[in-house]
Each structure stands twice: as structure tokens, then as C-alpha cells.
C-alpha atoms as a PDB file:
ATOM      1  CA  MET A   1     134.301 118.490  55.109  1.00  0.00           C
ATOM      2  CA  SER A   2     133.831 118.338  58.899  1.00  0.00           C
ATOM      3  CA  LYS A   3     136.930 117.497  61.069  1.00  0.00           C
ATOM      4  CA  GLN A   4     136.469 114.111  63.350  1.00  0.00           C
ATOM      5  CA  ALA A   5     137.816 114.310  66.649  1.00  0.00           C
ATOM      6  CA  GLY A   6     141.238 112.969  67.095  1.00  0.00           C
ATOM      7  CA  LEU A   7     142.009 110.068  69.545  1.00  0.00           C
ATOM      8  CA  THR A   8     142.870 110.806  73.160  1.00  0.00           C
ATOM      9  CA  TYR A   9     144.962 109.399  75.805  1.00  0.00           C
ATOM     10  CA  ARG A  10     141.301 108.507  77.579  1.00  0.00           C
ATOM     11  CA  ASP A  11     140.459 106.609  74.471  1.00  0.00           C
ATOM     12  CA  ALA A  12     143.429 104.415  74.981  1.00  0.00           C
ATOM     13  CA  GLY A  13     142.628 104.279  79.055  1.00  0.00           C
ATOM     14  CA  VAL A  14     144.779 107.054  80.765  1.00  0.00           C
ATOM     15  CA  ASP A  15     143.054 108.671  82.869  1.00  0.00           C
ATOM     16  CA  ILE A  16     145.037 111.995  83.277  1.00  0.00           C
ATOM     17  CA  ASP A  17     142.720 113.507  85.765  1.00  0.00           C
ATOM     18  CA  ALA A  18     141.921 110.882  87.803  1.00  0.00           C
ATOM     19  CA  GLY A  19     146.133 110.871  87.948  1.00  0.00           C
ATOM     20  CA  ASP A  20     145.877 114.753  89.333  1.00  0.00           C
ATOM     21  CA  ALA A  21     142.421 114.067  91.409  1.00  0.00           C
ATOM     22  CA  LEU A  22     144.589 111.413  93.292  1.00  0.00           C
ATOM     23  CA  VAL A  23     147.468 113.536  93.992  1.00  0.00           C
ATOM     24  CA  ASP A  24     145.048 116.426  95.302  1.00  0.00           C
ATOM     25  CA  ASP A  25     143.626 113.784  97.209  1.00  0.00           C
ATOM     26  CA  ILE A  26     146.495 112.289  99.331  1.00  0.00           C
ATOM     27  CA  LYS A  27     148.117 116.243  99.626  1.00  0.00           C
ATOM     28  CA  LYS A  28     147.076 115.871 103.394  1.00  0.00           C
ATOM     29  CA  ILE A  29     148.135 112.530 103.989  1.00  0.00           C
ATOM     30  CA  VAL A  30     151.122 112.845 102.736  1.00  0.00           C
ATOM     31  CA  LYS A  31     151.981 116.042 104.772  1.00  0.00           C
ATOM     32  CA  SER A  32     151.024 114.731 107.943  1.00  0.00           C
ATOM     33  CA  THR A  33     154.355 112.607 107.627  1.00  0.00           C
ATOM     34  CA  GLN A  34     156.411 115.341 107.034  1.00  0.00           C
ATOM     35  CA  ARG A  35     160.049 115.895 108.657  1.00  0.00           C
ATOM     36  CA  PRO A  36     161.541 119.033 109.351  1.00  0.00           C
ATOM     37  CA  GLU A  37     164.302 118.159 106.822  1.00  0.00           C
ATOM     38  CA  VAL A  38     161.477 118.031 103.679  1.00  0.00           C
ATOM     39  CA  LEU A  39     162.419 121.150 101.410  1.00  0.00           C
ATOM     40  CA  ALA A  40     159.841 120.086  98.712  1.00  0.00           C
ATOM     41  CA  GLY A  41     158.239 117.073  98.130  1.00  0.00           C
ATOM     42  CA  VAL A  42     155.112 115.681  96.156  1.00  0.00           C
ATOM     43  CA  GLY A  43     154.455 117.723  93.003  1.00  0.00           C
ATOM     44  CA  GLY A  44     157.785 118.178  91.863  1.00  0.00           C
ATOM     45  CA  PHE A  45     159.849 116.175  89.236  1.00  0.00           C
ATOM     46  CA  GLY A  46     161.756 115.370  92.746  1.00  0.00           C
ATOM     47  CA  ALA A  47     162.460 115.362  96.037  1.00  0.00           C
ATOM     48  CA  LEU A  48     164.439 117.582  98.082  1.00  0.00           C
ATOM     49  CA  VAL A  49     165.723 116.534 101.224  1.00  0.00           C
ATOM     50  CA  GLY A  50     168.302 117.679 103.744  1.00  0.00           C
ATOM     51  CA  LEU A  51     170.386 116.356 105.914  1.00  0.00           C
ATOM     52  CA  PRO A  52     169.658 116.443 109.668  1.00  0.00           C
ATOM     53  CA  LYS A  53     171.566 118.469 111.888  1.00  0.00           C
ATOM     54  CA  LYS A  54     172.134 116.263 114.671  1.00  0.00           C
ATOM     55  CA  TYR A  55     174.844 113.650 112.553  1.00  0.00           C
ATOM     56  CA  LYS A  56     178.622 115.240 111.982  1.00  0.00           C
ATOM     57  CA  GLU A  57     179.562 112.248 109.329  1.00  0.00           C
ATOM     58  CA  PRO A  58     176.154 111.138 108.146  1.00  0.00           C
ATOM     59  CA  ILE A  59     175.960 107.944 105.750  1.00  0.00           C
ATOM     60  CA  LEU A  60     172.979 107.314 103.968  1.00  0.00           C
ATOM     61  CA  VAL A  61     171.119 103.492 104.016  1.00  0.00           C
ATOM     62  CA  SER A  62     168.721 103.203 101.368  1.00  0.00           C
ATOM     63  CA  GLY A  63     166.271  99.766 100.838  1.00  0.00           C
ATOM     64  CA  THR A  64     163.791  98.706  98.306  1.00  0.00           C
ATOM     65  CA  ASP A  65     161.263  96.004  98.112  1.00  0.00           C
ATOM     66  CA  GLY A  66     157.928  94.985  97.714  1.00  0.00           C
ATOM     67  CA  VAL A  67     154.736  92.905  99.391  1.00  0.00           C
ATOM     68  CA  GLY A  68     154.886  89.974  97.329  1.00  0.00           C
ATOM     69  CA  THR A  69     151.754  87.875  96.435  1.00  0.00           C
ATOM     70  CA  LYS A  70     150.060  89.844  99.457  1.00  0.00           C
ATOM     71  CA  LEU A  71     149.208  91.685  97.293  1.00  0.00           C
ATOM     72  CA  MET A  72     147.243  89.303  95.184  1.00  0.00           C
ATOM     73  CA  LEU A  73     144.917  87.863  98.857  1.00  0.00           C
ATOM     74  CA  GLY A  74     144.247  91.961  99.510  1.00  0.00           C
ATOM     75  CA  ILE A  75     143.197  92.315  96.449  1.00  0.00           C
ATOM     76  CA  GLU A  76     141.336  89.641  96.780  1.00  0.00           C
ATOM     77  CA  THR A  77     139.305  90.446  99.813  1.00  0.00           C
ATOM     78  CA  GLU A  78     139.845  94.081  99.421  1.00  0.00           C
ATOM     79  CA  ARG A  79     142.165  94.047 102.439  1.00  0.00           C
ATOM     80  CA  ILE A  80     143.790  97.085 101.062  1.00  0.00           C
ATOM     81  CA  GLU A  81     144.917  99.716 103.787  1.00  0.00           C
ATOM     82  CA  GLY A  82     147.329  97.908 105.695  1.00  0.00           C
ATOM     83  CA  LEU A  83     149.446  96.693 102.194  1.00  0.00           C
ATOM     84  CA  GLY A  84     150.825  99.757 102.239  1.00  0.00           C
ATOM     85  CA  GLN A  85     152.017 100.111 105.489  1.00  0.00           C
ATOM     86  CA  ASP A  86     153.815  96.414 104.674  1.00  0.00           C
ATOM     87  CA  LEU A  87     155.138  97.884 101.462  1.00  0.00           C
ATOM     88  CA  VAL A  88     157.121 100.597 104.633  1.00  0.00           C
ATOM     89  CA  GLY A  89     158.010  98.125 106.786  1.00  0.00           C
ATOM     90  CA  MET A  90     159.688  95.703 104.585  1.00  0.00           C
ATOM     91  CA  CYS A  91     161.897  98.756 103.271  1.00  0.00           C
ATOM     92  CA  ALA A  92     162.211 100.872 106.641  1.00  0.00           C
ATOM     93  CA  ASN A  93     163.067  98.055 108.766  1.00  0.00           C
ATOM     94  CA  ASP A  94     165.766  96.661 106.560  1.00  0.00           C
ATOM     95  CA  VAL A  95     167.124 100.423 106.877  1.00  0.00           C
ATOM     96  CA  LEU A  96     166.805 100.170 110.358  1.00  0.00           C
ATOM     97  CA  VAL A  97     169.099  96.485 110.418  1.00  0.00           C
ATOM     98  CA  SER A  98     172.336  98.808 109.884  1.00  0.00           C
ATOM     99  CA  GLY A  99     171.392 101.573 112.886  1.00  0.00           C
ATOM    100  CA  ALA A 100     169.837 103.815 110.346  1.00  0.00           C
ATOM    101  CA  GLU A 101     166.924 106.484 111.344  1.00  0.00           C
ATOM    102  CA  PRO A 102     164.623 106.252 108.360  1.00  0.00           C
ATOM    103  CA  LEU A 103     164.445 109.425 106.785  1.00  0.00           C
ATOM    104  CA  PHE A 104     162.271 109.213 103.638  1.00  0.00           C
ATOM    105  CA  PHE A 105     160.350 107.085 102.078  1.00  0.00           C
ATOM    106  CA  LEU A 106     159.046 106.908  97.623  1.00  0.00           C
ATOM    107  CA  ASP A 107     156.624 104.619  96.306  1.00  0.00           C
ATOM    108  CA  TYR A 108     155.576 102.981  92.814  1.00  0.00           C
ATOM    109  CA  TYR A 109     151.769 102.486  92.128  1.00  0.00           C
ATOM    110  CA  ALA A 110     150.969 100.523  88.933  1.00  0.00           C
ATOM    111  CA  THR A 111     148.043  99.704  87.135  1.00  0.00           C
ATOM    112  CA  GLY A 112     145.875  98.950  84.397  1.00  0.00           C
ATOM    113  CA  LYS A 113     143.013 101.349  85.476  1.00  0.00           C
ATOM    114  CA  LEU A 114     143.586 104.035  88.569  1.00  0.00           C
ATOM    115  CA  GLU A 115     140.519 103.743  90.655  1.00  0.00           C
ATOM    116  CA  THR A 116     141.303 106.868  92.930  1.00  0.00           C
ATOM    117  CA  ALA A 117     139.618 105.559  95.818  1.00  0.00           C
ATOM    118  CA  VAL A 118     141.789 101.945  96.149  1.00  0.00           C
ATOM    119  CA  ALA A 119     144.966 104.227  95.564  1.00  0.00           C
ATOM    120  CA  ALA A 120     143.906 106.650  98.297  1.00  0.00           C
ATOM    121  CA  GLN A 121     143.410 103.489 100.395  1.00  0.00           C
ATOM    122  CA  VAL A 122     146.578 102.013  99.811  1.00  0.00           C
ATOM    123  CA  VAL A 123     148.799 105.620 100.469  1.00  0.00           C
ATOM    124  CA  ARG A 124     146.833 106.498 103.857  1.00  0.00           C
ATOM    125  CA  GLY A 125     148.336 102.781 104.973  1.00  0.00           C
ATOM    126  CA  ILE A 126     151.456 103.465 103.386  1.00  0.00           C
ATOM    127  CA  ALA A 127     151.440 107.410 105.663  1.00  0.00           C
ATOM    128  CA  ARG A 128     150.429 105.259 108.747  1.00  0.00           C
ATOM    129  CA  GLY A 129     153.713 103.316 108.064  1.00  0.00           C
ATOM    130  CA  CYS A 130     155.726 106.420 107.574  1.00  0.00           C
ATOM    131  CA  LYS A 131     154.702 107.870 110.973  1.00  0.00           C
ATOM    132  CA  LEU A 132     155.745 104.646 112.246  1.00  0.00           C
ATOM    133  CA  SER A 133     158.859 104.600 111.309  1.00  0.00           C
ATOM    134  CA  GLY A 134     159.476 108.411 111.662  1.00  0.00           C
ATOM    135  CA  CYS A 135     160.212 109.095 107.885  1.00  0.00           C
ATOM    136  CA  ALA A 136     158.688 111.470 105.520  1.00  0.00           C
ATOM    137  CA  LEU A 137     156.224 110.343 102.869  1.00  0.00           C
ATOM    138  CA  VAL A 138     158.023 112.796  99.499  1.00  0.00           C
ATOM    139  CA  GLY A 139     156.763 111.346  96.653  1.00  0.00           C
ATOM    140  CA  GLY A 140     156.245 108.873  94.366  1.00  0.00           C
ATOM    141  CA  GLU A 141     154.925 107.334  91.140  1.00  0.00           C
ATOM    142  CA  THR A 142     151.636 106.560  89.874  1.00  0.00           C
ATOM    143  CA  ALA A 143     151.298 104.456  86.777  1.00  0.00           C
ATOM    144  CA  GLU A 144     147.763 103.863  84.365  1.00  0.00           C
ATOM    145  CA  MET A 145     149.405 101.170  82.005  1.00  0.00           C
ATOM    146  CA  PRO A 146     146.264  99.592  80.156  1.00  0.00           C
ATOM    147  CA  GLY A 147     146.885  96.293  79.292  1.00  0.00           C
ATOM    148  CA  MET A 148     149.249  95.315  81.380  1.00  0.00           C
ATOM    149  CA  TYR A 149     147.858  94.266  84.271  1.00  0.00           C
ATOM    150  CA  PRO A 150     144.028  93.070  84.252  1.00  0.00           C
ATOM    151  CA  PRO A 151     140.832  94.779  85.787  1.00  0.00           C
ATOM    152  CA  GLY A 152     141.477  95.325  89.614  1.00  0.00           C
ATOM    153  CA  ASP A 153     145.086  94.233  90.235  1.00  0.00           C
ATOM    154  CA  PHE A 154     147.911  96.774  90.641  1.00  0.00           C
ATOM    155  CA  ASP A 155     151.361  96.425  91.556  1.00  0.00           C
ATOM    156  CA  LEU A 156     153.299  98.145  94.876  1.00  0.00           C
ATOM    157  CA  ALA A 157     157.012  98.791  94.949  1.00  0.00           C
ATOM    158  CA  GLY A 158     158.674 101.110  97.768  1.00  0.00           C
ATOM    159  CA  PHE A 159     161.983 102.553  98.449  1.00  0.00           C
ATOM    160  CA  CYS A 160     163.601 104.007 101.930  1.00  0.00           C
ATOM    161  CA  VAL A 161     166.451 105.974 102.762  1.00  0.00           C
ATOM    162  CA  GLY A 162     167.921 106.325 106.560  1.00  0.00           C
ATOM    163  CA  VAL A 163     170.588 108.056 108.210  1.00  0.00           C
ATOM    164  CA  VAL A 164     173.373 106.692 110.379  1.00  0.00           C
ATOM    165  CA  GLU A 165     176.070 108.520 111.820  1.00  0.00           C
ATOM    166  CA  LYS A 166     179.489 106.651 110.638  1.00  0.00           C
ATOM    167  CA  LYS A 167     180.847 105.717 113.924  1.00  0.00           C
ATOM    168  CA  LYS A 168     177.692 104.133 115.055  1.00  0.00           C
ATOM    169  CA  ILE A 169     176.771 101.773 112.144  1.00  0.00           C
ATOM    170  CA  ILE A 170     176.122  98.407 112.874  1.00  0.00           C
ATOM    171  CA  ASN A 171     177.605  96.016 110.769  1.00  0.00           C
ATOM    172  CA  GLY A 172     177.926  92.538 113.803  1.00  0.00           C
ATOM    173  CA  LYS A 173     181.710  92.509 113.219  1.00  0.00           C
ATOM    174  CA  ARG A 174     181.770  92.804 117.348  1.00  0.00           C
ATOM    175  CA  ILE A 175     178.828  90.102 118.051  1.00  0.00           C
ATOM    176  CA  LYS A 176     181.034  87.492 120.788  1.00  0.00           C
ATOM    177  CA  LYS A 177     180.204  84.092 121.975  1.00  0.00           C
ATOM    178  CA  GLY A 178     178.072  84.823 124.922  1.00  0.00           C
ATOM    179  CA  ASP A 179     175.847  87.598 123.435  1.00  0.00           C
ATOM    180  CA  VAL A 180     172.531  87.437 123.640  1.00  0.00           C
ATOM    181  CA  LEU A 181     169.698  87.694 120.840  1.00  0.00           C
ATOM    182  CA  ILE A 182     166.462  89.614 121.731  1.00  0.00           C
ATOM    183  CA  ALA A 183     163.558  88.935 119.636  1.00  0.00           C
ATOM    184  CA  LEU A 184     160.841  91.214 119.087  1.00  0.00           C
ATOM    185  CA  PRO A 185     157.735  90.314 118.282  1.00  0.00           C
ATOM    186  CA  SER A 186     155.741  90.112 114.768  1.00  0.00           C
ATOM    187  CA  SER A 187     152.300  90.803 114.010  1.00  0.00           C
ATOM    188  CA  GLY A 188     152.138  87.789 111.560  1.00  0.00           C
ATOM    189  CA  PRO A 189     153.547  86.612 108.741  1.00  0.00           C
ATOM    190  CA  HIS A 190     154.302  90.424 107.570  1.00  0.00           C
ATOM    191  CA  SER A 191     154.664  90.129 104.012  1.00  0.00           C
ATOM    192  CA  ASN A 192     156.688  86.519 103.618  1.00  0.00           C
ATOM    193  CA  GLY A 193     155.943  83.473 102.310  1.00  0.00           C
ATOM    194  CA  TYR A 194     152.428  84.283 100.706  1.00  0.00           C
ATOM    195  CA  SER A 195     153.031  81.846  97.770  1.00  0.00           C
ATOM    196  CA  LEU A 196     152.525  78.902  99.989  1.00  0.00           C
ATOM    197  CA  VAL A 197     149.748  80.869 102.302  1.00  0.00           C
ATOM    198  CA  ARG A 198     147.823  80.775  98.768  1.00  0.00           C
ATOM    199  CA  ARG A 199     148.488  77.387  98.052  1.00  0.00           C
ATOM    200  CA  ILE A 200     147.498  76.153 101.467  1.00  0.00           C
ATOM    201  CA  LEU A 201     144.414  78.779 101.544  1.00  0.00           C
ATOM    202  CA  GLU A 202     143.706  77.112  97.211  1.00  0.00           C
ATOM    203  CA  LEU A 203     144.069  72.635  98.899  1.00  0.00           C
ATOM    204  CA  ARG A 204     141.394  74.321 101.665  1.00  0.00           C
ATOM    205  CA  LYS A 205     139.051  76.173  99.534  1.00  0.00           C
ATOM    206  CA  ASN A 206     136.342  73.901 100.580  1.00  0.00           C
ATOM    207  CA  HIS A 207     136.283  74.521 104.035  1.00  0.00           C
ATOM    208  CA  ASN A 208     136.248  78.329 103.987  1.00  0.00           C
ATOM    209  CA  PRO A 209     139.647  78.653 105.758  1.00  0.00           C
ATOM    210  CA  LEU A 210     139.258  82.498 105.629  1.00  0.00           C
ATOM    211  CA  ALA A 211     136.853  83.099 108.087  1.00  0.00           C
ATOM    212  CA  GLN A 212     138.000  79.807 111.085  1.00  0.00           C
ATOM    213  CA  PRO A 213     138.882  81.623 113.995  1.00  0.00           C
ATOM    214  CA  ILE A 214     142.204  82.626 114.911  1.00  0.00           C
ATOM    215  CA  GLY A 215     142.989  84.415 118.800  1.00  0.00           C
ATOM    216  CA  LYS A 216     140.651  87.287 118.890  1.00  0.00           C
ATOM    217  CA  GLY A 217     139.523  87.390 115.041  1.00  0.00           C
ATOM    218  CA  THR A 218     139.518  85.392 111.664  1.00  0.00           C
ATOM    219  CA  LEU A 219     142.545  83.749 110.122  1.00  0.00           C
ATOM    220  CA  LEU A 220     141.719  86.559 107.144  1.00  0.00           C
ATOM    221  CA  ASP A 221     142.754  89.067 109.875  1.00  0.00           C
ATOM    222  CA  ALA A 222     145.695  87.113 111.194  1.00  0.00           C
ATOM    223  CA  LEU A 223     146.905  86.633 107.436  1.00  0.00           C
ATOM    224  CA  MET A 224     146.956  90.630 106.514  1.00  0.00           C
ATOM    225  CA  ALA A 225     147.987  92.438 110.063  1.00  0.00           C
ATOM    226  CA  PRO A 226     150.145  94.912 108.487  1.00  0.00           C
ATOM    227  CA  THR A 227     153.947  94.004 109.484  1.00  0.00           C
ATOM    228  CA  THR A 228     155.449  95.571 112.681  1.00  0.00           C
ATOM    229  CA  LEU A 229     157.163  98.755 112.506  1.00  0.00           C
ATOM    230  CA  TYR A 230     160.035  98.553 114.856  1.00  0.00           C
ATOM    231  CA  ALA A 231     161.786 101.439 114.392  1.00  0.00           C
ATOM    232  CA  LYS A 232     160.734 104.137 116.849  1.00  0.00           C
ATOM    233  CA  PRO A 233     161.813 101.788 119.801  1.00  0.00           C
ATOM    234  CA  VAL A 234     165.209 100.125 118.116  1.00  0.00           C
ATOM    235  CA  LEU A 235     166.263 103.756 118.217  1.00  0.00           C
ATOM    236  CA  GLY A 236     165.344 104.608 121.497  1.00  0.00           C
ATOM    237  CA  LEU A 237     167.433 101.688 122.080  1.00  0.00           C
ATOM    238  CA  LEU A 238     170.470 102.276 120.432  1.00  0.00           C
ATOM    239  CA  ALA A 239     169.939 106.169 122.140  1.00  0.00           C
ATOM    240  CA  SER A 240     169.901 104.395 125.462  1.00  0.00           C
ATOM    241  CA  GLY A 241     173.719 103.260 125.353  1.00  0.00           C
ATOM    242  CA  VAL A 242     173.323 100.019 125.170  1.00  0.00           C
ATOM    243  CA  ASP A 243     175.975  98.358 123.097  1.00  0.00           C
ATOM    244  CA  VAL A 244     174.156  96.548 120.423  1.00  0.00           C
ATOM    245  CA  ARG A 245     176.264  94.632 118.167  1.00  0.00           C
ATOM    246  CA  GLY A 246     174.055  93.205 115.203  1.00  0.00           C
ATOM    247  CA  MET A 247     170.379  93.506 114.182  1.00  0.00           C
ATOM    248  CA  SER A 248     168.254  91.064 111.507  1.00  0.00           C
ATOM    249  CA  HIS A 249     165.194  92.158 109.859  1.00  0.00           C
ATOM    250  CA  ILE A 250     163.488  88.219 109.976  1.00  0.00           C
ATOM    251  CA  THR A 251     161.876  88.141 106.140  1.00  0.00           C
ATOM    252  CA  GLY A 252     162.025  85.557 103.549  1.00  0.00           C
ATOM    253  CA  GLY A 253     164.310  82.673 104.785  1.00  0.00           C
ATOM    254  CA  GLY A 254     163.118  83.060 107.849  1.00  0.00           C
ATOM    255  CA  LEU A 255     165.206  82.866 111.318  1.00  0.00           C
ATOM    256  CA  PRO A 256     168.378  80.872 110.022  1.00  0.00           C
ATOM    257  CA  GLY A 257     168.424  82.552 106.906  1.00  0.00           C
ATOM    258  CA  ASN A 258     168.397  86.362 108.298  1.00  0.00           C
ATOM    259  CA  ILE A 259     169.763  86.157 112.230  1.00  0.00           C
ATOM    260  CA  PRO A 260     173.294  85.078 109.941  1.00  0.00           C
ATOM    261  CA  ARG A 261     173.351  87.732 107.775  1.00  0.00           C
ATOM    262  CA  CYS A 262     175.097  89.879 110.571  1.00  0.00           C
ATOM    263  CA  PHE A 263     177.831  87.402 111.947  1.00  0.00           C
ATOM    264  CA  PRO A 264     181.438  87.630 111.674  1.00  0.00           C
ATOM    265  CA  ASP A 265     183.643  84.599 111.206  1.00  0.00           C
ATOM    266  CA  GLY A 266     184.147  81.693 114.395  1.00  0.00           C
ATOM    267  CA  VAL A 267     180.143  82.232 115.940  1.00  0.00           C
ATOM    268  CA  GLY A 268     176.646  80.863 115.638  1.00  0.00           C
ATOM    269  CA  ALA A 269     173.449  81.178 117.594  1.00  0.00           C
ATOM    270  CA  VAL A 270     171.496  78.523 119.655  1.00  0.00           C
ATOM    271  CA  ILE A 271     167.760  79.740 119.130  1.00  0.00           C
ATOM    272  CA  ASP A 272     165.608  78.596 122.395  1.00  0.00           C
ATOM    273  CA  THR A 273     162.379  77.407 120.929  1.00  0.00           C
ATOM    274  CA  GLN A 274     160.877  77.433 124.575  1.00  0.00           C
ATOM    275  CA  SER A 275     161.229  80.851 124.990  1.00  0.00           C
ATOM    276  CA  TRP A 276     158.353  82.068 122.910  1.00  0.00           C
ATOM    277  CA  LYS A 277     154.732  80.618 121.537  1.00  0.00           C
ATOM    278  CA  VAL A 278     154.400  80.295 118.174  1.00  0.00           C
ATOM    279  CA  PRO A 279     151.401  82.755 117.085  1.00  0.00           C
ATOM    280  CA  GLU A 280     148.448  80.657 115.850  1.00  0.00           C
ATOM    281  CA  VAL A 281     147.893  81.474 112.842  1.00  0.00           C
ATOM    282  CA  PHE A 282     151.002  79.881 111.614  1.00  0.00           C
ATOM    283  CA  ASN A 283     150.034  76.489 113.800  1.00  0.00           C
ATOM    284  CA  TRP A 284     147.675  77.025 111.373  1.00  0.00           C
ATOM    285  CA  LEU A 285     149.267  77.371 107.620  1.00  0.00           C
ATOM    286  CA  GLN A 286     151.703  74.051 109.545  1.00  0.00           C
ATOM    287  CA  GLN A 287     148.678  71.914 110.033  1.00  0.00           C
ATOM    288  CA  ALA A 288     147.081  72.876 107.149  1.00  0.00           C
ATOM    289  CA  GLY A 289     149.103  72.364 104.978  1.00  0.00           C
ATOM    290  CA  GLY A 290     151.296  69.313 106.382  1.00  0.00           C
ATOM    291  CA  ILE A 291     154.585  71.544 106.450  1.00  0.00           C
ATOM    292  CA  GLU A 292     158.016  70.193 108.086  1.00  0.00           C
ATOM    293  CA  THR A 293     159.032  72.136 110.865  1.00  0.00           C
ATOM    294  CA  ASP A 294     162.697  72.827 108.893  1.00  0.00           C
ATOM    295  CA  GLU A 295     160.496  74.723 105.970  1.00  0.00           C
ATOM    296  CA  MET A 296     158.618  76.564 108.762  1.00  0.00           C
ATOM    297  CA  ARG A 297     161.423  77.929 110.092  1.00  0.00           C
ATOM    298  CA  ARG A 298     162.720  79.198 106.711  1.00  0.00           C
ATOM    299  CA  VAL A 299     159.380  80.827 105.099  1.00  0.00           C
ATOM    300  CA  PHE A 300     157.949  82.126 108.092  1.00  0.00           C
ATOM    301  CA  ASN A 301     159.299  84.470 110.813  1.00  0.00           C
ATOM    302  CA  CYS A 302     157.106  82.275 112.897  1.00  0.00           C
ATOM    303  CA  GLY A 303     156.492  84.842 115.430  1.00  0.00           C
ATOM    304  CA  VAL A 304     160.062  87.081 115.337  1.00  0.00           C
ATOM    305  CA  GLY A 305     160.015  89.739 113.351  1.00  0.00           C
ATOM    306  CA  PHE A 306     163.157  91.089 114.843  1.00  0.00           C
ATOM    307  CA  VAL A 307     166.617  90.792 116.281  1.00  0.00           C
ATOM    308  CA  ILE A 308     169.013  92.806 118.335  1.00  0.00           C
ATOM    309  CA  ILE A 309     172.482  91.291 119.161  1.00  0.00           C
ATOM    310  CA  VAL A 310     173.839  92.327 122.841  1.00  0.00           C
ATOM    311  CA  PRO A 311     176.628  92.051 125.622  1.00  0.00           C
ATOM    312  CA  ARG A 312     174.983  89.514 127.835  1.00  0.00           C
ATOM    313  CA  LEU A 313     176.087  92.178 130.809  1.00  0.00           C
ATOM    314  CA  GLN A 314     173.688  94.496 129.102  1.00  0.00           C
ATOM    315  CA  ALA A 315     170.501  92.456 128.078  1.00  0.00           C
ATOM    316  CA  ASP A 316     168.518  93.244 131.293  1.00  0.00           C
ATOM    317  CA  ARG A 317     169.220  96.651 130.392  1.00  0.00           C
ATOM    318  CA  ALA A 318     168.084  96.110 126.774  1.00  0.00           C
ATOM    319  CA  LEU A 319     164.665  94.437 127.537  1.00  0.00           C
ATOM    320  CA  GLU A 320     163.742  97.310 130.095  1.00  0.00           C
ATOM    321  CA  VAL A 321     164.489  99.547 127.202  1.00  0.00           C
ATOM    322  CA  LEU A 322     162.386  97.814 124.778  1.00  0.00           C
ATOM    323  CA  ARG A 323     159.878  97.446 127.605  1.00  0.00           C
ATOM    324  CA  LYS A 324     159.081 100.928 128.318  1.00  0.00           C
ATOM    325  CA  ALA A 325     158.810 101.250 124.671  1.00  0.00           C
ATOM    326  CA  LYS A 326     155.548  98.581 124.577  1.00  0.00           C
ATOM    327  CA  ALA A 327     158.088  96.095 122.258  1.00  0.00           C
ATOM    328  CA  LYS A 328     157.123  93.147 124.193  1.00  0.00           C
ATOM    329  CA  PRO A 329     161.373  91.739 124.074  1.00  0.00           C
ATOM    330  CA  TRP A 330     162.073  88.909 125.148  1.00  0.00           C
ATOM    331  CA  ILE A 331     165.592  86.280 125.210  1.00  0.00           C
ATOM    332  CA  LEU A 332     165.588  84.506 121.762  1.00  0.00           C
ATOM    333  CA  GLY A 333     169.209  82.592 122.434  1.00  0.00           C
ATOM    334  CA  GLU A 334     172.687  83.180 122.340  1.00  0.00           C
ATOM    335  CA  MET A 335     175.901  83.364 120.070  1.00  0.00           C
ATOM    336  CA  VAL A 336     177.835  79.896 120.554  1.00  0.00           C
ATOM    337  CA  ALA A 337     181.723  79.716 118.829  1.00  0.00           C
ATOM    338  CA  SER A 338     180.975  77.773 115.457  1.00  0.00           C
ATOM    339  CA  ASP A 339     183.197  77.184 112.544  1.00  0.00           C
ATOM    340  CA  THR A 340     180.279  76.868 110.031  1.00  0.00           C
ATOM    341  CA  PRO A 341     178.750  79.981 108.231  1.00  0.00           C
ATOM    342  CA  GLU A 342     175.190  81.196 108.617  1.00  0.00           C
ATOM    343  CA  ASP A 343     175.227  78.898 111.982  1.00  0.00           C
ATOM    344  CA  VAL A 344     171.443  78.966 113.469  1.00  0.00           C
ATOM    345  CA  ARG A 345     170.348  75.832 115.572  1.00  0.00           C
ATOM    346  CA  PHE A 346     167.239  74.759 117.613  1.00  0.00           C
ATOM    347  CA  ALA A 347     167.202  73.937 121.129  1.00  0.00           C
END
């Protein structure tokens, strides 16, 4: 009686060899992001990372996120690599808000069938985001799950840990009336509002909208621009001695939903809408979708990616430090007395 060959994991749709090949492909990419504190990274069951010796009372700050439905637009248009930087940005920029230095990052990549070339593109983007943020890519997980995702689809999630000196944690408690808000520009919508973006594109599909000129490129270029990483200029500002009293990463919820997250009781903010020119991509989205201005401000960052609050007397110094770091800052508004929680007014 002849023996029949038994089923293999590959027969079920999971290619262990492809996963091993991906790990081999990305080892050099991952190595380029390493910091001295990394003791063991990719390949083990867990990454080992020490704390930088300069901290006397180190506090760990963690953040996790994905890139939302921008992922779908990236897959549809084969703009994959920038999604990795988006993933880092959504996590590392959040950690930064507390004054923390991004220390290490891990990713989770899930797909129905592993395409190593696509996954490697994503990891290259993650590595670039880590280098721009100064954190180490220490590992992650690649999950091949047949039947879970349609062919060509994948999902991403990320996790970042930062570290801050306990006495230097920034929590907004010292923000006062008269303090100044300094804005740093976004590169575009970053990773927020893409369900609305995709709805607008669907309504305009007969006009081939993604090929329309926007700025120095196309609408697609503007929509898929990777998230700006703010860690290096902001950490430079913190090291300069400027009294940074509060910070906000402008993500879902826009300016009115994110700036107040660092406000103490008794204050609100007045935003000078004439202080910056809203990037063309947002104007296109508003006109194409017939979106009210208040809704635009609640959904998109509208060109403001990060906000820093400092005393008025130190605003010029803060602008000088940030300009030297090529962060392109400007005065966005000021803090005012307010009895209304989460008060943000536009003037």
C-alpha cells in the first residue's frame, strides 16, 4: 500500500519559507535603525532594550496606532512604502507630546498571502520613519492568514515606546492665559480623514481626480505624502531650555479635537486663521466634497501637524530654534481665559 503525501502548511496557504526570506531581506534595513541601547532585536521571541544612561528617573511612554483607510488608497494605487513612515509617525509623534524621546518601535503586518517584495517595501518605510524619529526598529510580527484578507490586501499596526525624565514630563498643567501656540506644518492629511477622502474620490471618479495637478505634483502625490516626523526638531527645542508647557499632535479630530487635550482648566485657545495658508490638497477636498469649514477642521489637520505652547516671552527663541532645525514654525494663536472645557476658537 503506497503512502500518500500529507498536507503541508503551504497547502493551507501559509508559506513559512517566504516568511523566513522576508526576515533575511529586512535584517540590513532594521540594523540601520539601531541605537546603543538595543541588546537584542529581530529574530528572538522578544526584543531587549536598555534605558539610556542619561536619565536619572526614566519614565516610559507608549503609543500604538495604525494608518487607517489610507492603507486602502495606498494598496489601490501601489503607493506602499510611505505607509511605513505613516505608521511610525502616528505612534512616535504621539509619544513625543509628553516630551518623550522615541526609543524603540515594533510593527505588525498581517496579510492573506505574504508577498515579500510588498512587505519589504513597507518595512523600508518603517525604517525610514524610525531613523527620522531617532528610534530603533527592534522587531515585529508578520502574520500570513489565508482567507482573512482578500488577495493583495494587508493591514498594519505599530507600537512605540519613548522615555522622558520624570521631572520633565510635559502635561499642560502650567499653560496660562497669554501663552503662545506655535505650529509645525503637516505634509498633507497624514493618516486621518481617509474614509472621507475615499468617498470624495468615489464621487469624482469620472473626472480621474488622482491625476489632477496639486502643487508640484498630483492629487495622488499630495494624498500619499508620508506623515511628517517631529521628534528631532521638538527634542532639540526641549534641549534648548525653552519652557515648553504643552504640545499636541494633530490627528483625527483636527485642531479643535486635539489642541485642548493638553489644556488645564480655565483656559482656551484662539487660532489665527490668517497665520497660515491652508495647503491646496485640503482646498481641493473641501470643494470637491462640498464640505463645511467646521467639518474640515474636525476631520483634517488642514496643514497643521503639531502644536507647541510656550510663554509669550520665549516665543521668539522657540521660533529661532525650530527654524534652525528646518521645522518651518509659525505663531498659530494664543491662550485665553475660558470657562468652557476644550475651548478652541477660530478668528
